[in-house]
Amino acid sequence: MKREQLSEISSLLEQPSRIAITMHQKPDGDAIGSSLGLYHYLIQKGHQVKIVAPTDYPDFLKWLPGNEQVIIGPVDPDGANWAFEGADIIFCLDFNSLHRINEFEKSVQDSMGQVVMIDHHLEPTDFADLMYWDDQASSTAELIHRLVVALGDKALINEDMAYPLYTGLMTDTGSFRFTSTTPAVHAMAGHLLETGINVTAIHDRIYSQFDPERLKFFGYCLLNCLHILPEYETAYIKLERQVFKDFNVKTGGTEGLVNYALGIKGIKMGVLISEHNDLVKLSFRSREGVSAKDYAEHFNGGGHFYAAGGRSHTSLDNTEQELIDLLSRNHQPSLDEKPQLT
């Protein structure tokens, strides 16, 4: 962190203030973890803090300390807007563009408070008054930990902070197996462990909480919706809207599904293509030098090199064919013809 950045953030937090924390829509472990970690730090410093999630998030994240303080925007829009309107400071965590907070974009734009963006995604837009950004960081949770330590408050990192920060670190590094896992990441994890947190319990609550319907949903997807294109080193899962209804899929219900496509031997990119009410969403995961981000950008999206997302406003079938055409242009297949859809 640059000295001037640290000085500016330190000055902002010098006096007790009204602070709002927000994150991207459909928050994941890092979005929720970094937000709750920062929340527990700020309240120790005497600030009044509100947390706003632009959408709901999975139940497997709702056990984290402080979860009861999170305002779900669509459930309590007045409370969410009041949090932004009354804030002296707004922290925007784990997103790089205001459109990622949906209808609350205008509330942040119109706020008189100072807007601080803390994020690790590529190509941030210029919407904040102050930006702490590092696309080499493993997670926003890592950046929050760095910030607190740099402010001289390492001793304030207690269990309530450590549980969400470890959750953000663990989930965004794929349980410490992604290339973003550096010596600094392990050092941070070690420090959080020193607070006394139970990392086995964290992992179990995040990854071992499948209800029977979600397990059946995954099984159905892998049996009926998985398509493998070995000549393009790609596998994808294609989900029609009706599948979500049939299995009563809740928010976050597809979390981790795309990784099964990537986990196939010889596959370097996995894609989840899912049909929703007004658009088709694509989730890309890749490895071994294949850029998920490049493919996502073709579909009006972006993200990290190995993990990205996009969207299409054409039909599910057209989106699928567009992906295959794009793969065909980017590869030199050994077959004379493109793969047939199955």
Foldseek 3Di string as FASTA:
>chain_A
DDPVLLVVVCVLLVDAWQEEEEEFAQDDLQRVLQRQLVVLVSVVSPHHYAYEYLADYDPLNCVAPPSVRYDDCVVCVVVVLCSLQRGQEYEYEADQDLCRSPPCSVSNQPHPHFYEYQHQWPDHDPDGPHYDYHVLALGSLLVSQVSCVVNVNLVSCALSSLLSSVSSLCVSCVNQPRPSNDPSSVVSNVSSVVNPDDVVVSCCSNPVPDDPLLVVLLVCQVVPFWDDDLLLLEIEGAEEPVSCVVSVQDRCSCPPSQVVRCPDPNHFKGWYWYDDDQWIKIKMAGDDPQAPQVLQVVQVWGTHRGIIMHIGRDDSVVVVVVSQVVSPVVGDGPDPDGDDDD
